[in-house]
Protein backbone atom coordinates (compact mmCIF):
# COMPACT_ATOMS: atom_id res chain seq x y z
CA MET A 1 82.66 15.52 -66.45
CA GLN A 2 85.79 16.57 -64.62
CA PRO A 3 88.73 17.80 -66.44
CA GLU A 4 90.91 14.94 -65.07
CA GLN A 5 88.25 12.33 -66.66
CA GLU A 6 87.90 14.28 -69.98
CA SER A 7 88.91 12.35 -73.31
CA PRO A 8 91.63 13.92 -75.64
CA ALA A 9 88.83 15.09 -77.79
CA LEU A 10 86.86 16.59 -75.08
CA HIS A 11 89.95 18.46 -73.75
CA ASP A 12 90.48 19.59 -77.21
CA VAL A 13 87.42 21.06 -77.00
CA ARG A 14 87.59 22.95 -73.96
CA THR A 15 91.07 24.24 -74.35
CA LYS A 16 90.48 25.78 -77.84
CA VAL A 17 87.31 27.16 -76.95
CA GLU A 18 89.01 28.97 -73.85
CA LYS A 19 91.96 29.87 -76.25
CA ALA A 20 89.43 31.58 -78.56
CA TYR A 21 87.64 33.39 -75.59
CA ALA A 22 90.83 34.91 -74.24
CA ALA A 23 91.72 35.91 -77.75
CA TRP A 24 88.36 37.68 -78.11
CA LEU A 25 88.71 39.64 -75.20
CA LYS A 26 91.43 41.29 -77.10
CA TYR A 27 90.02 41.27 -80.24
CA ARG A 28 86.83 42.62 -79.18
CA HIS A 29 88.85 46.19 -78.57
CA PHE A 30 90.16 46.39 -82.60
CA THR A 31 88.60 49.27 -84.05
CA GLN A 32 86.85 48.84 -87.48
CA GLU A 33 90.01 49.71 -89.46
CA ARG A 34 92.27 47.01 -87.80
CA ILE A 35 89.20 44.19 -88.08
CA ASP A 36 89.02 45.43 -91.73
CA ALA A 37 92.74 44.65 -92.46
CA VAL A 38 92.66 41.48 -91.05
CA VAL A 39 89.85 40.38 -93.24
CA GLU A 40 90.96 41.56 -96.33
CA ALA A 41 94.25 39.47 -95.31
CA MET A 42 92.47 36.56 -94.61
CA ALA A 43 90.63 36.75 -98.17
CA ALA A 44 93.58 37.31 -100.13
CA ALA A 45 95.02 33.89 -98.54
CA GLY A 46 91.65 32.28 -99.58
CA ARG A 47 91.97 33.79 -102.93
CA GLU A 48 95.60 32.71 -103.38
CA HIS A 49 94.80 28.83 -102.36
CA ALA A 50 91.36 28.40 -103.98
CA ARG A 51 92.80 25.87 -106.08
CA ARG A 52 94.63 23.77 -103.82
CA LEU A 53 91.62 23.86 -101.17
CA ALA A 54 89.10 22.58 -103.83
CA GLU A 55 91.63 19.93 -105.11
CA MET A 56 92.16 18.93 -101.10
CA ALA A 57 88.34 18.76 -100.68
CA VAL A 58 87.53 16.85 -103.96
CA GLU A 59 90.07 14.19 -102.75
CA GLU A 60 89.24 13.87 -99.48
CA THR A 61 85.67 13.80 -99.57
CA GLY A 62 85.04 12.56 -103.07
CA TYR A 63 82.10 14.97 -103.71
CA GLY A 64 81.74 17.24 -106.40
CA ASN A 65 84.40 18.67 -108.71
CA VAL A 66 87.38 20.55 -108.54
CA LYS A 67 86.51 23.31 -111.07
CA ASP A 68 83.06 24.07 -109.22
CA LYS A 69 84.81 24.24 -106.02
CA ILE A 70 87.17 26.62 -107.04
CA ALA A 71 84.12 28.88 -107.79
CA LYS A 72 82.90 28.68 -104.35
CA ASN A 73 86.07 29.24 -102.46
CA LEU A 74 86.34 32.47 -104.87
CA LEU A 75 82.74 33.07 -103.80
CA ASN A 76 83.36 33.48 -100.18
CA ALA A 77 87.02 34.60 -100.49
CA ASP A 78 86.48 37.12 -103.45
CA LEU A 79 83.01 38.34 -103.63
CA LEU A 80 82.02 38.23 -100.09
CA PRO A 81 84.82 40.13 -98.46
CA ARG A 82 84.00 42.85 -101.65
CA LYS A 83 80.22 43.03 -100.36
CA MET A 84 81.59 43.39 -96.65
CA ARG A 85 83.72 46.18 -97.65
CA GLY A 86 82.59 49.56 -96.01
CA MET A 87 80.23 47.46 -93.64
CA ARG A 88 80.57 48.52 -90.15
CA THR A 89 80.21 46.26 -87.23
CA VAL A 90 82.19 47.72 -84.44
CA GLY A 91 81.94 50.78 -82.68
CA VAL A 92 79.33 53.96 -83.64
CA LEU A 93 77.78 52.08 -86.56
CA ARG A 94 75.90 55.62 -87.29
CA GLU A 95 74.55 58.58 -85.50
CA LEU A 96 70.88 59.64 -85.80
CA PRO A 97 70.72 63.68 -84.97
CA SER A 98 67.21 64.32 -85.68
CA GLU A 99 66.52 61.19 -83.53
CA LYS A 100 69.47 61.64 -80.77
CA VAL A 101 70.09 58.12 -81.07
CA ILE A 102 73.43 56.45 -81.84
CA GLU A 103 73.81 52.93 -82.81
CA VAL A 104 76.96 50.87 -81.31
CA GLY A 105 78.20 47.39 -82.75
CA MET A 106 78.47 45.09 -80.37
CA PRO A 107 80.70 41.62 -80.89
CA MET A 108 79.02 38.25 -79.84
CA GLY A 109 81.96 36.26 -78.19
CA VAL A 110 83.32 32.75 -79.67
CA VAL A 111 81.55 31.36 -82.96
CA ALA A 112 80.89 27.97 -83.05
CA ALA A 113 81.03 27.16 -86.67
CA ILE A 114 79.74 23.31 -87.84
CA LEU A 115 81.00 22.64 -91.06
CA PRO A 116 79.60 20.16 -93.58
CA THR A 117 81.23 17.73 -95.88
CA THR A 118 79.62 18.64 -99.24
CA ASN A 119 81.42 21.98 -99.27
CA PRO A 120 84.06 22.27 -96.68
CA THR A 121 86.83 24.86 -97.64
CA SER A 122 84.45 27.23 -98.98
CA THR A 123 81.94 27.02 -95.69
CA ALA A 124 85.43 27.29 -93.84
CA ILE A 125 86.48 30.63 -95.90
CA TYR A 126 82.92 31.83 -95.28
CA LYS A 127 82.21 31.11 -91.58
CA ILE A 128 85.84 32.52 -90.69
CA LEU A 129 85.86 35.81 -92.66
CA ILE A 130 81.91 36.72 -91.24
CA SER A 131 82.82 35.71 -87.63
CA LEU A 132 86.19 38.04 -87.60
CA LYS A 133 84.24 40.73 -89.62
CA ALA A 134 81.84 41.37 -86.74
CA GLY A 135 84.52 41.37 -84.13
CA ASN A 136 84.38 37.72 -82.87
CA THR A 137 86.59 34.90 -82.78
CA VAL A 138 85.61 31.23 -83.96
CA VAL A 139 85.97 27.73 -83.47
CA LEU A 140 85.41 25.42 -86.15
CA SER A 141 84.10 21.67 -86.14
CA PRO A 142 85.05 20.11 -89.20
CA HIS A 143 83.04 17.31 -90.59
CA PRO A 144 84.87 13.73 -90.29
CA ARG A 145 85.07 12.96 -93.86
CA ALA A 146 86.71 16.33 -94.53
CA ARG A 147 88.80 16.98 -91.30
CA ARG A 148 91.99 17.48 -93.10
CA CYS A 149 90.92 19.84 -95.73
CA THR A 150 89.40 22.17 -92.99
CA CYS A 151 92.07 22.55 -91.14
CA GLU A 152 94.20 23.31 -93.54
CA THR A 153 91.87 26.16 -94.44
CA ALA A 154 91.71 27.22 -90.99
CA ASP A 155 95.39 27.20 -90.87
CA LEU A 156 95.96 29.25 -93.93
CA LEU A 157 93.53 31.90 -93.06
CA TYR A 158 95.07 32.25 -89.25
CA GLN A 159 98.33 32.54 -90.24
CA ALA A 160 97.35 35.36 -92.45
CA ALA A 161 95.10 36.90 -89.82
CA LEU A 162 98.37 36.98 -87.50
CA LYS A 163 100.28 38.61 -90.32
CA ALA A 164 97.83 41.37 -90.29
CA GLY A 165 97.79 41.70 -86.43
CA ALA A 166 95.15 39.70 -85.13
CA PRO A 167 95.49 38.19 -81.47
CA GLU A 168 96.99 34.36 -81.29
CA ASP A 169 94.53 31.64 -81.31
CA VAL A 170 91.54 33.93 -83.00
CA ILE A 171 90.95 31.02 -85.37
CA GLN A 172 90.62 27.48 -83.98
CA CYS A 173 89.98 24.07 -85.60
CA LEU A 174 89.15 21.08 -83.76
CA THR A 175 91.27 17.84 -84.76
CA GLU A 176 88.83 15.66 -83.61
CA SER A 177 84.74 15.25 -85.03
CA SER A 178 82.07 13.46 -83.58
CA VAL A 179 78.55 13.94 -82.31
CA GLU A 180 79.82 14.32 -78.99
CA VAL A 181 82.54 16.66 -79.81
CA THR A 182 80.08 18.89 -81.73
CA HIS A 183 77.80 19.06 -78.77
CA ALA A 184 80.41 19.79 -76.24
CA LEU A 185 81.55 22.79 -78.53
CA MET A 186 77.90 23.83 -78.78
CA LYS A 187 76.92 23.69 -75.17
CA HIS A 188 80.30 24.95 -73.80
CA ARG A 189 79.71 27.86 -71.09
CA ARG A 190 82.51 30.50 -73.23
CA THR A 191 80.39 29.62 -76.58
CA ALA A 192 78.01 32.87 -77.52
CA VAL A 193 76.74 31.93 -80.81
CA ILE A 194 76.34 28.70 -83.07
CA LEU A 195 76.48 28.89 -86.59
CA SER A 196 75.37 25.41 -87.88
CA THR A 197 75.41 23.71 -91.62
CA GLY A 198 74.63 20.37 -92.37
CA GLY A 199 72.25 17.50 -91.86
CA ALA A 200 68.88 18.10 -89.71
CA GLY A 201 70.08 16.24 -86.67
CA ILE A 202 73.22 18.70 -86.58
CA VAL A 203 70.53 21.90 -86.82
CA ARG A 204 68.04 20.50 -84.34
CA ALA A 205 70.96 19.71 -81.96
CA ALA A 206 72.32 23.14 -82.60
CA TYR A 207 68.83 25.18 -81.60
CA SER A 208 68.46 22.64 -78.70
CA SER A 209 71.83 23.81 -77.28
CA GLY A 210 70.44 26.28 -74.84
CA LYS A 211 72.77 28.94 -77.35
CA PRO A 212 71.89 31.52 -79.76
CA ALA A 213 72.07 29.33 -83.03
CA PHE A 214 71.69 29.75 -86.81
CA GLY A 215 70.88 26.80 -88.65
CA VAL A 216 69.63 25.94 -91.89
CA GLY A 217 66.99 23.60 -93.15
CA PRO A 218 67.23 21.41 -96.33
CA GLY A 219 66.39 22.72 -99.73
CA ASN A 220 64.01 21.17 -102.48
CA VAL A 221 63.95 23.45 -105.15
CA PRO A 222 61.18 23.43 -107.91
CA VAL A 223 61.88 25.59 -110.82
CA LEU A 224 58.80 26.45 -112.84
CA ILE A 225 59.22 27.36 -116.78
CA ASP A 226 56.17 29.32 -117.61
CA THR A 227 54.94 29.60 -121.10
CA SER A 228 56.04 33.14 -121.13
CA ALA A 229 59.66 31.91 -120.65
CA ASP A 230 62.96 31.74 -122.92
CA VAL A 231 62.62 27.98 -122.94
CA PRO A 232 66.30 27.37 -124.49
CA ASP A 233 67.77 30.07 -122.01
CA ALA A 234 65.50 28.72 -119.02
CA VAL A 235 66.71 25.14 -119.96
CA LYS A 236 70.46 25.96 -120.13
CA ARG A 237 70.87 27.63 -116.74
CA VAL A 238 69.01 24.94 -114.85
CA VAL A 239 71.15 22.40 -116.30
CA GLU A 240 73.76 24.70 -115.19
CA GLY A 241 72.81 24.98 -112.01
CA LYS A 242 71.89 21.02 -111.53
CA ALA A 243 75.15 20.10 -112.61
CA PHE A 244 77.09 22.46 -110.81
CA ASP A 245 79.70 20.77 -108.55
CA TYR A 246 77.29 17.90 -108.99
CA GLY A 247 74.38 18.88 -107.28
CA THR A 248 76.22 18.99 -103.71
CA VAL A 249 74.66 23.04 -103.23
CA CYS A 250 71.57 22.83 -100.99
CA SER A 251 69.65 25.53 -103.22
CA SER A 252 70.63 23.02 -106.14
CA GLU A 253 67.45 22.53 -108.72
CA GLN A 254 65.72 19.28 -107.72
CA ALA A 255 62.64 19.50 -110.37
CA ILE A 256 61.68 21.43 -113.45
CA VAL A 257 57.53 22.04 -113.40
CA ALA A 258 55.99 23.14 -116.49
CA GLU A 259 52.52 23.23 -118.18
CA ARG A 260 52.10 19.95 -120.56
CA SER A 261 52.37 22.05 -123.89
CA LEU A 262 56.12 22.73 -123.00
CA ARG A 263 56.99 19.14 -122.31
CA ALA A 264 58.40 18.77 -126.22
CA ALA A 265 60.24 21.85 -126.35
CA ILE A 266 61.99 21.31 -122.55
CA LEU A 267 62.84 17.78 -123.39
CA ASP A 268 64.54 19.05 -127.02
CA GLU A 269 66.63 21.32 -125.04
CA LEU A 270 67.39 19.14 -122.25
CA ARG A 271 68.74 16.95 -124.99
CA ALA A 272 70.98 19.88 -126.60
CA GLN A 273 72.24 20.30 -123.38
CA LYS A 274 73.43 16.88 -122.93
CA ALA A 275 71.14 16.00 -120.25
CA PHE A 276 70.64 12.10 -120.53
CA LEU A 277 66.56 11.44 -120.49
CA CYS A 278 65.80 8.08 -118.58
CA ASN A 279 63.15 5.86 -119.47
CA GLU A 280 60.84 4.13 -117.00
CA SER A 281 63.11 1.47 -115.83
CA GLN A 282 66.13 3.49 -115.51
CA ARG A 283 63.83 5.76 -113.34
CA ALA A 284 62.91 3.13 -111.05
CA ALA A 285 66.74 1.91 -110.56
CA LEU A 286 67.74 5.26 -109.66
CA ALA A 287 65.22 5.86 -107.24
CA LYS A 288 66.07 2.58 -105.62
CA LEU A 289 69.68 3.49 -105.77
CA LEU A 290 69.51 7.22 -104.49
CA VAL A 291 66.53 6.75 -101.76
CA THR A 292 67.09 4.29 -98.78
CA PRO A 293 64.32 2.16 -97.28
CA ASP A 294 64.14 4.86 -94.55
CA PHE A 295 63.78 7.48 -97.33
CA LYS A 296 67.16 9.41 -96.72
CA ILE A 297 69.71 9.96 -99.68
CA ASN A 298 72.32 7.21 -100.11
CA PRO A 299 75.51 9.05 -99.13
CA ASP A 300 77.30 6.89 -101.44
CA CYS A 301 75.56 8.75 -104.18
CA VAL A 302 76.17 12.44 -103.04
CA GLY A 303 78.00 14.85 -105.79
CA GLN A 304 79.04 11.94 -107.99
CA PRO A 305 78.79 12.59 -111.52
CA PRO A 306 75.98 11.37 -113.79
CA GLN A 307 78.14 8.68 -115.49
CA LYS A 308 78.93 7.37 -112.03
CA LEU A 309 75.27 7.03 -110.98
CA ALA A 310 74.06 5.77 -114.09
CA ARG A 311 76.74 2.88 -113.49
CA MET A 312 75.98 2.45 -110.02
CA ALA A 313 71.95 2.05 -111.05
CA GLY A 314 72.90 -0.73 -113.63
CA PHE A 315 73.19 1.50 -117.21
CA GLU A 316 75.74 3.43 -119.41
CA VAL A 317 75.31 6.83 -120.58
CA PRO A 318 77.30 8.81 -123.03
CA PRO A 319 80.80 10.14 -121.37
CA GLY A 320 79.75 13.83 -122.22
CA THR A 321 76.24 13.56 -120.02
CA SER A 322 75.90 16.81 -117.73
CA ILE A 323 72.64 15.60 -115.85
CA LEU A 324 70.35 12.72 -115.71
CA ALA A 325 66.32 13.51 -116.27
CA VAL A 326 63.87 11.78 -115.19
CA GLU A 327 60.08 12.43 -115.76
CA ILE A 328 57.63 11.42 -112.61
CA GLU A 329 53.78 11.71 -112.20
CA GLY A 330 53.63 13.63 -108.51
CA VAL A 331 55.19 14.50 -105.38
CA GLY A 332 55.45 12.64 -102.18
CA LYS A 333 56.93 9.43 -100.89
CA GLU A 334 55.26 7.39 -103.38
CA HIS A 335 57.37 9.27 -105.97
CA PRO A 336 61.09 9.16 -104.37
CA LEU A 337 62.73 11.38 -107.09
CA SER A 338 60.69 14.13 -106.22
CA MET A 339 62.95 14.88 -102.97
CA GLU A 340 66.40 16.60 -102.45
CA LYS A 341 68.73 13.94 -104.30
CA LEU A 342 72.21 16.34 -103.64
CA SER A 343 73.56 14.43 -106.81
CA PRO A 344 73.04 15.40 -110.64
CA VAL A 345 69.52 13.97 -111.16
CA LEU A 346 66.60 16.06 -111.87
CA ALA A 347 62.97 15.50 -112.11
CA LEU A 348 60.62 16.72 -114.64
CA LEU A 349 56.69 16.97 -113.57
CA TRP A 350 54.34 18.06 -116.13
CA THR A 351 50.62 19.74 -115.41
CA ASP A 352 47.71 21.58 -117.06
CA THR A 353 47.46 24.94 -116.09
CA PHE A 354 49.67 27.54 -114.73
CA GLN A 355 47.87 27.26 -111.34
CA ALA A 356 48.71 23.37 -111.28
CA ALA A 357 52.14 24.19 -111.56
CA MET A 358 52.25 26.68 -108.99
CA ASP A 359 50.33 23.87 -107.02
CA ALA A 360 53.15 21.33 -107.54
CA CYS A 361 55.96 23.76 -106.59
CA ASP A 362 54.23 24.25 -103.54
CA ALA A 363 53.88 20.56 -102.60
CA ILE A 364 57.36 20.14 -103.75
CA LEU A 365 59.05 22.81 -101.25
CA HIS A 366 56.56 21.36 -98.55
CA PHE A 367 58.00 18.06 -99.45
CA GLY A 368 61.52 18.86 -97.81
CA GLY A 369 62.27 21.86 -98.71
CA LEU A 370 59.90 24.48 -97.15
CA GLY A 371 61.27 27.80 -96.49
CA HIS A 372 64.25 27.67 -98.86
CA THR A 373 64.83 28.46 -102.38
CA CYS A 374 62.32 28.24 -105.88
CA VAL A 375 62.96 29.54 -109.18
CA ILE A 376 60.58 30.92 -112.22
CA PHE A 377 61.81 31.46 -115.62
CA ALA A 378 59.12 33.90 -117.05
CA ARG A 379 58.86 37.28 -119.50
CA ASP A 380 55.24 37.84 -117.81
CA GLU A 381 56.07 40.20 -114.69
CA ALA A 382 52.35 39.43 -113.51
CA ARG A 383 53.01 35.91 -113.46
CA ILE A 384 56.51 36.03 -111.92
CA ARG A 385 54.73 38.43 -109.13
CA GLU A 386 51.65 35.87 -108.10
CA PHE A 387 54.61 33.21 -108.03
CA GLY A 388 56.70 34.99 -105.63
CA LEU A 389 53.89 35.77 -103.29
CA ARG A 390 52.52 32.38 -103.37
CA MET A 391 55.84 30.43 -102.82
CA PRO A 392 56.38 29.53 -99.13
CA ALA A 393 60.50 30.14 -99.34
CA HIS A 394 62.76 32.87 -98.52
CA ARG A 395 64.46 33.22 -101.93
CA VAL A 396 62.27 33.64 -105.02
CA LEU A 397 64.77 33.47 -107.89
CA VAL A 398 63.85 34.80 -111.31
CA ASN A 399 65.54 33.54 -114.61
CA THR A 400 68.66 32.55 -113.21
CA ALA A 401 70.59 28.90 -112.04
CA ALA A 402 69.34 28.39 -108.52
CA PRO A 403 72.58 27.66 -107.08
CA HIS A 404 74.36 31.03 -108.48
CA GLY A 405 71.40 32.85 -107.94
CA SER A 406 70.75 31.88 -103.86
CA THR A 407 74.38 32.64 -102.85
CA GLY A 408 74.61 36.23 -104.75
CA ILE A 409 76.80 35.16 -107.64
CA THR A 410 74.13 36.12 -110.25
CA THR A 411 71.95 38.12 -107.33
CA ASN A 412 72.25 41.13 -105.41
CA VAL A 413 71.27 38.94 -102.25
CA PHE A 414 74.04 38.59 -99.65
CA PRO A 415 76.82 36.51 -100.78
CA SER A 416 76.53 33.48 -98.15
CA MET A 417 76.94 29.47 -97.85
CA THR A 418 74.05 29.81 -94.83
CA LEU A 419 70.68 30.34 -96.12
CA GLY A 420 67.90 30.52 -93.25
CA CYS A 421 64.71 29.14 -94.41
CA GLY A 422 63.13 30.92 -91.65
CA ALA A 423 60.27 29.84 -88.71
CA MET A 424 58.35 27.95 -91.24
CA ALA A 425 61.30 25.59 -91.17
CA GLY A 426 62.11 26.01 -87.65
CA ASN A 427 65.26 28.54 -88.35
CA ILE A 428 65.41 31.56 -86.58
CA THR A 429 65.77 33.56 -89.77
CA GLY A 430 64.98 33.32 -93.29
CA ASP A 431 67.77 35.71 -94.58
CA ASN A 432 71.35 34.78 -96.53
CA VAL A 433 73.36 34.81 -93.14
CA GLY A 434 76.22 37.40 -92.87
CA PRO A 435 78.39 39.52 -90.26
CA GLN A 436 75.30 41.28 -89.62
CA HIS A 437 73.76 38.38 -87.85
CA LEU A 438 76.91 37.59 -85.50
CA MET A 439 76.62 41.25 -83.81
CA GLY A 440 74.64 42.85 -81.58
CA ILE A 441 73.34 46.64 -81.60
CA LYS A 442 73.62 48.92 -78.57
CA ARG A 443 71.52 52.42 -78.86
CA ILE A 444 72.48 55.27 -77.11
CA ALA A 445 69.13 57.06 -76.83
CA TYR A 446 68.69 60.83 -75.40
CA ALA A 447 65.52 62.14 -73.97
CA VAL A 448 63.60 63.97 -76.64
CA ARG A 449 60.33 64.77 -74.66
CA GLU A 450 58.48 64.19 -71.55
CA ALA A 451 56.34 61.35 -70.84
CA HIS A 452 52.91 63.33 -71.07
CA GLU A 453 53.94 64.33 -74.28
CA ALA A 454 54.37 61.04 -75.96
CA ILE A 455 50.91 59.34 -74.30
CA GLN A 456 47.95 60.77 -72.85
CA ILE A 457 46.53 59.18 -69.93
CA PRO A 458 43.10 59.78 -68.76
CA GLU A 459 42.77 60.60 -65.23
CA TYR A 460 41.25 57.81 -63.15
CA VAL A 461 39.03 58.11 -60.69
CA GLU A 462 37.61 55.16 -58.76
CA GLU A 463 33.88 55.10 -58.11
CA ALA A 464 31.86 53.33 -55.76
CA VAL A 465 30.04 50.47 -57.53
CA PRO A 466 26.11 51.22 -57.60
CA ALA A 467 23.66 49.02 -56.10
CA VAL A 468 22.18 48.22 -59.45
CA ALA A 469 25.91 46.46 -60.17
CA ALA A 470 26.75 45.17 -56.53
CA SER A 471 23.18 43.90 -55.25
CA ALA A 472 23.32 40.36 -56.42
CA ASP A 473 27.02 39.84 -55.03
CA ARG A 474 25.66 41.88 -51.77
CA ARG A 475 22.59 39.69 -51.64
CA VAL A 476 24.81 36.81 -51.61
CA LEU A 477 26.75 38.42 -48.57
CA ILE A 478 23.71 39.54 -46.69
CA GLU A 479 22.29 35.92 -46.96
CA ALA A 480 25.44 34.56 -45.61
CA VAL A 481 25.68 37.00 -42.54
CA GLU A 482 21.57 35.81 -42.13
CA ARG A 483 22.46 32.23 -42.06
CA TYR A 484 25.33 32.94 -39.56
CA LEU A 485 23.28 34.77 -37.24
CA ALA A 486 20.33 32.21 -37.45
CA GLN A 487 22.75 29.25 -36.02
CA ARG A 488 23.07 31.11 -33.12
CA GLY A 489 19.37 31.73 -32.56
CA ILE A 490 19.15 35.29 -34.10
CA ARG A 491 16.32 35.39 -36.65
CA LEU A 492 15.83 38.58 -38.89
CA GLU A 493 12.62 39.64 -40.76
CA PRO A 494 13.10 38.87 -44.52
CA GLN A 495 14.60 42.02 -46.36
CA GLN A 496 12.28 43.64 -48.98
CA ALA A 497 13.57 43.18 -52.64
CA PRO A 498 15.01 46.11 -53.78
CA GLY A 499 13.69 48.27 -56.62
CA PRO A 500 14.11 47.88 -60.26
CA PRO A 501 17.49 49.07 -61.32
CA ALA A 502 16.21 52.06 -63.35
CA ALA A 503 14.52 53.47 -60.27
CA ALA A 504 17.40 52.76 -57.97
CA PRO A 505 19.36 56.00 -57.51
CA ARG A 506 23.11 55.76 -58.12
CA ALA A 507 24.01 56.51 -54.32
CA ALA A 508 21.40 53.78 -52.95
CA ILE A 509 24.21 50.98 -51.80
CA LEU A 510 22.82 48.27 -50.03
CA PRO A 511 23.67 47.97 -46.23
CA SER A 512 26.48 46.06 -45.70
CA PRO A 513 26.69 42.57 -43.57
CA ALA A 514 28.90 44.35 -41.18
CA ASP A 515 26.26 46.87 -40.86
CA ILE A 516 23.51 44.67 -40.38
CA VAL A 517 25.31 43.22 -37.43
CA ASP A 518 26.31 46.66 -36.37
CA ARG A 519 23.12 47.95 -36.12
CA PHE A 520 21.34 44.78 -34.91
CA LEU A 521 23.89 44.54 -31.87
CA ALA A 522 23.49 48.34 -30.91
CA GLY A 523 19.59 47.69 -31.33
CA ARG A 524 19.95 44.91 -28.91
CA SER A 525 21.78 46.81 -26.22
CA ALA A 526 19.98 50.16 -26.65
CA ARG A 527 19.29 51.97 -23.27
CA GLN A 528 16.02 52.97 -24.16
CA ALA A 529 13.03 50.68 -24.44
CA PRO A 530 11.33 50.48 -28.08
CA ALA A 531 8.09 52.12 -28.56
CA ALA A 532 4.84 50.35 -27.43
CA ASP A 533 3.56 49.88 -30.72
CA ALA A 534 6.76 48.88 -32.58
CA SER A 535 7.51 45.43 -33.87
CA THR A 536 10.26 45.90 -35.45
CA CYS A 537 13.84 47.82 -35.53
CA SER A 538 13.26 50.70 -37.79
CA VAL A 539 17.08 50.38 -39.20
CA CYS A 540 17.17 46.60 -39.96
CA ALA A 541 13.75 44.95 -39.53
CA VAL A 542 14.74 42.84 -36.96
CA PRO A 543 11.70 41.30 -34.38
CA GLN A 544 12.04 43.79 -30.83
CA PRO A 545 11.23 41.82 -27.85
CA GLN A 546 8.17 43.13 -25.80
CA ALA A 547 9.67 42.82 -22.49
CA SER A 548 11.37 45.47 -20.60
CA PRO A 549 14.36 47.01 -21.59
CA PRO A 550 17.55 45.49 -20.33
CA PRO A 551 19.64 47.31 -17.80
CA SER A 552 22.10 49.88 -18.84
CA PRO A 553 25.53 47.98 -19.61
CA PRO A 554 28.38 48.96 -17.13
CA PRO A 555 30.65 51.69 -18.52
CA GLU A 556 33.13 49.45 -19.81
CA GLU A 557 30.99 47.87 -22.03
CA LYS A 558 30.30 51.03 -24.33
CA ARG A 559 33.48 50.10 -25.88
CA PRO A 560 32.79 49.90 -29.88
CA GLN A 561 31.98 46.83 -30.99
CA ALA A 562 33.62 44.19 -32.86
CA VAL A 563 32.07 43.47 -36.31
CA GLU A 564 31.73 39.53 -37.21
CA PHE A 565 32.17 40.02 -41.15
CA VAL A 566 34.23 42.56 -43.28
CA CYS A 567 33.89 42.63 -46.89
CA GLU A 568 35.77 44.77 -49.40
CA GLU A 569 32.70 47.19 -49.88
CA ASP A 570 32.58 47.50 -46.01
CA VAL A 571 36.26 48.90 -46.23
CA ARG A 572 35.32 51.08 -49.35
CA ALA A 573 32.72 52.52 -47.06
CA ALA A 574 34.50 53.24 -44.35
CA ILE A 575 37.19 54.80 -46.38
CA ARG A 576 34.53 57.39 -47.94
CA GLN A 577 32.92 57.95 -44.20
CA ASN A 578 36.52 58.45 -42.58
CA ARG A 579 35.97 56.09 -40.10
CA LYS A 580 37.25 52.90 -38.60
CA ILE A 581 36.10 49.00 -38.67
CA HIS A 582 36.70 47.52 -35.33
CA ILE A 583 37.30 43.59 -35.29
CA GLY A 584 37.95 40.87 -32.97
CA PRO A 585 39.61 37.41 -32.86
CA LYS A 586 36.57 35.80 -34.47
CA THR A 587 35.74 38.22 -37.00
CA ILE A 588 35.91 37.35 -40.98
CA VAL A 589 37.46 39.28 -43.45
CA THR A 590 37.55 38.96 -46.62
CA PRO A 591 40.94 38.67 -48.59
CA ALA A 592 40.41 41.72 -50.62
CA ALA A 593 39.04 43.53 -47.75
CA ARG A 594 42.26 42.81 -45.42
CA ASP A 595 44.54 43.68 -48.41
CA LEU A 596 42.28 47.45 -49.30
CA ALA A 597 42.32 48.15 -45.53
CA ALA A 598 45.97 47.87 -45.03
CA GLN A 599 46.80 50.32 -47.33
CA HIS A 600 44.21 52.66 -45.62
CA ASP A 601 44.87 51.91 -41.72
CA VAL A 602 41.07 50.83 -41.58
CA LEU A 603 40.82 48.07 -39.39
CA VAL A 604 41.27 48.35 -35.62
CA GLY A 605 41.58 45.03 -33.48
CA MET A 606 40.04 44.54 -29.88
């Protein structure tokens, strides 16, 4: 689309990406100290306005609750910058004197940051901070249902960055949101890398844009409570994680899996934590409400309090209810509540053994959460290790609430709102994405050895092909020449079969087709008559005429004869014998022979 034909929304994309790129041309020259000052100023602004931004997010989207959204904002405006302090991202990162290598940080350019509706302000803080920490600029694409709170977050951090000395336009936020606008942002020629958080469709679009992209998959987090676990503590933490921001975090717990012997104890602890245990009819009503006919989550149910969800499903729960818990019999489409629910609804699945519990957790991860996150509560270290090694997830959390552990609040994984699921889920990384993923590393490497000191290459000597190895192919060529001569009325007596391979000396190579023709023609034009008692040529077993010898050719016919056929072995023989091969317009030369002859100037035209 030409600029004069652009819609206002697409014009906004083009203009803001170009502004961000122009800003990056200045910002990329900032020292680490200047970049860190900008990041610290933006983080301080995020902390100062964490509550107001949380209130705006809940008001605009209708998802989650203010208390937990404040915690998400502070995760990214407080814990994240503390983790990034001291991290070098530009200039000389480190020098390795013993290896004579210097590593240099290289910013990527303009980051296209695609934001979700479930965590709009916290994800905006996170993506702005890690982008600018790595020496990049950023253009944010808000979710349509979270445009106002996202743009407000971007503006607050932008003003703080300017006061800290950042160039103008280092942070841009699109004012219109649509699929077309987002695709235009991702495919813009100035966009260097895409940082995408959202549904499967937008992640696939990011990976299909032709640009480097960090996208993440959905989470369907199983929690295995082992018989060795502290059951009251485990259930308390599961409920805490499931209730956090009403289940909107992608790493929120989706199902408890435990051996049947623990069922009574777990149900008692769930009641103690104010979880509402649904009966069979309530479970069916919730499944019908939460999961659409095409097997997607009902967007009207995302991030809603348990009381509201219960009313929407047709039943009532006590005012202080923390979550809704439902027992299920298996995993898969016939059990809809075994999928990711993005709401405070927790499935419960009982098994007979620890191995069966691990099988169920594996099935849950494969049912929409592959590569993401899983949890085990246990005190048996051997079982923890067995679970961790078995599960197809990049975050295996131990004895912690899943949202808190996966994002780095209660564990030492990198604080992040973009949790990679790895190649098993079609993601470029399984890491918690940070500034280290938005930069390149250039290496200045000095010579430290000669090539022959690094690798020993044996001397290569090209050897002639032994008759034993080449006889089959040579015989085919000789037969072809015999047929060629036979078409011209020239008959050769049959060649005697060569001796057994073991008896053939290494140098005994069959005559080439060209040799046969040369010797035959030479014999035909010889001046002297054959011996009276000879019936064949001693060279190639060609029958000799018994008539008088032909008259001597005139002097001009004593020139070398052009051969009829040249193969690769003919050329090799000529090279070894330091002679030329004469060819004429009708000479047949194989491609391999012509290539080899050209290297050694063997062929002579006549």
